[in-house]
């Protein structure tokens, strides 16, 4: 099933909590299995620039919530 793509973006403080990045990682990982442009779809669903989503994904990877090869691996499995 398709998860809800909209994430709750924390507005208090500059640093976002792990839970936010867990949500980003979950949604991005799902989108890599069904979309050629997962960052664009996540950006559109959340009304943010795609560069913002790239930053979220980078931080989710840094925190160990998303593997660095998530997109390539998923794409390879579907071919």
Protein backbone atom coordinates (compact mmCIF):
# COMPACT_ATOMS: atom_id res chain seq x y z
CA UNK A 1 0.00 0.00 0.00
CA UNK A 2 1.07 3.54 -0.71
CA UNK A 3 2.05 5.41 2.45
CA UNK A 4 0.93 8.96 3.02
CA UNK A 5 3.69 11.02 1.39
CA UNK A 6 3.15 14.16 3.39
CA UNK A 7 5.43 14.44 6.42
CA UNK A 8 4.95 16.67 9.42
CA UNK A 9 7.76 19.20 9.11
CA UNK A 10 8.83 20.44 12.54
CA UNK A 11 8.90 24.22 12.81
CA UNK A 12 10.30 24.53 16.32
CA UNK A 13 14.06 24.78 16.46
CA UNK A 14 16.59 24.38 13.70
CA UNK A 15 17.44 20.70 14.23
CA UNK A 16 14.80 18.16 13.23
CA UNK A 17 14.26 15.02 15.36
CA UNK A 18 15.06 11.45 14.33
CA UNK A 19 11.35 10.69 13.95
CA UNK A 20 11.09 13.24 11.14
CA UNK A 21 14.00 11.64 9.29
CA UNK A 22 12.51 8.16 9.87
CA UNK A 23 9.37 9.34 8.10
CA UNK A 24 11.40 10.81 5.25
CA UNK A 25 13.42 7.58 4.91
CA UNK A 26 10.28 5.41 4.91
CA UNK A 27 8.55 7.47 2.26
CA UNK A 28 11.65 7.90 0.11
CA UNK A 29 12.41 4.15 0.25
CA UNK A 30 8.85 3.39 -0.85
CA UNK A 31 9.01 5.90 -3.69
CA UNK A 32 12.24 4.38 -5.00
CA UNK A 33 10.25 1.21 -5.73
CA UNK A 34 7.48 2.92 -7.70
CA UNK A 35 8.91 6.13 -9.14
CA UNK A 36 11.76 7.23 -11.39
CA UNK A 37 11.80 10.57 -9.49
CA UNK A 38 11.23 9.83 -5.80
CA UNK A 39 12.69 13.11 -4.51
CA UNK A 40 10.50 15.13 -6.87
CA UNK A 41 7.37 13.27 -5.79
CA UNK A 42 8.19 13.73 -2.11
CA UNK A 43 8.89 17.43 -2.71
CA UNK A 44 5.60 17.90 -4.54
CA UNK A 45 3.64 16.13 -1.78
CA UNK A 46 5.19 18.39 0.85
CA UNK A 47 5.23 21.69 -1.06
CA UNK A 48 9.00 22.10 -0.71
CA UNK A 49 11.79 22.41 -3.28
CA UNK A 50 13.39 19.17 -4.43
CA UNK A 51 16.70 20.45 -3.04
CA UNK A 52 15.10 20.43 0.42
CA UNK A 53 14.17 16.78 0.01
CA UNK A 54 17.72 16.01 -1.15
CA UNK A 55 18.95 17.53 2.10
CA UNK A 56 16.47 15.49 4.14
CA UNK A 57 17.54 12.28 2.40
CA UNK A 58 21.20 13.10 2.92
CA UNK A 59 20.58 13.63 6.64
CA UNK A 60 18.49 10.45 6.90
CA UNK A 61 21.42 8.56 5.37
CA UNK A 62 23.88 10.25 7.74
CA UNK A 63 21.76 9.14 10.67
CA UNK A 64 21.73 5.56 9.39
CA UNK A 65 18.02 5.54 8.58
CA UNK A 66 18.46 5.05 4.84
CA UNK A 67 21.23 3.24 3.03
CA UNK A 68 23.34 5.15 0.55
CA UNK A 69 22.42 2.76 -2.26
CA UNK A 70 18.69 2.68 -1.56
CA UNK A 71 17.64 4.03 -4.93
CA UNK A 72 20.10 2.04 -7.07
CA UNK A 73 19.34 -1.22 -5.27
CA UNK A 74 15.57 -0.83 -5.58
CA UNK A 75 15.82 0.15 -9.23
CA UNK A 76 17.98 -2.88 -9.94
CA UNK A 77 15.50 -5.23 -8.26
CA UNK A 78 12.63 -4.07 -10.45
CA UNK A 79 14.42 -4.69 -13.74
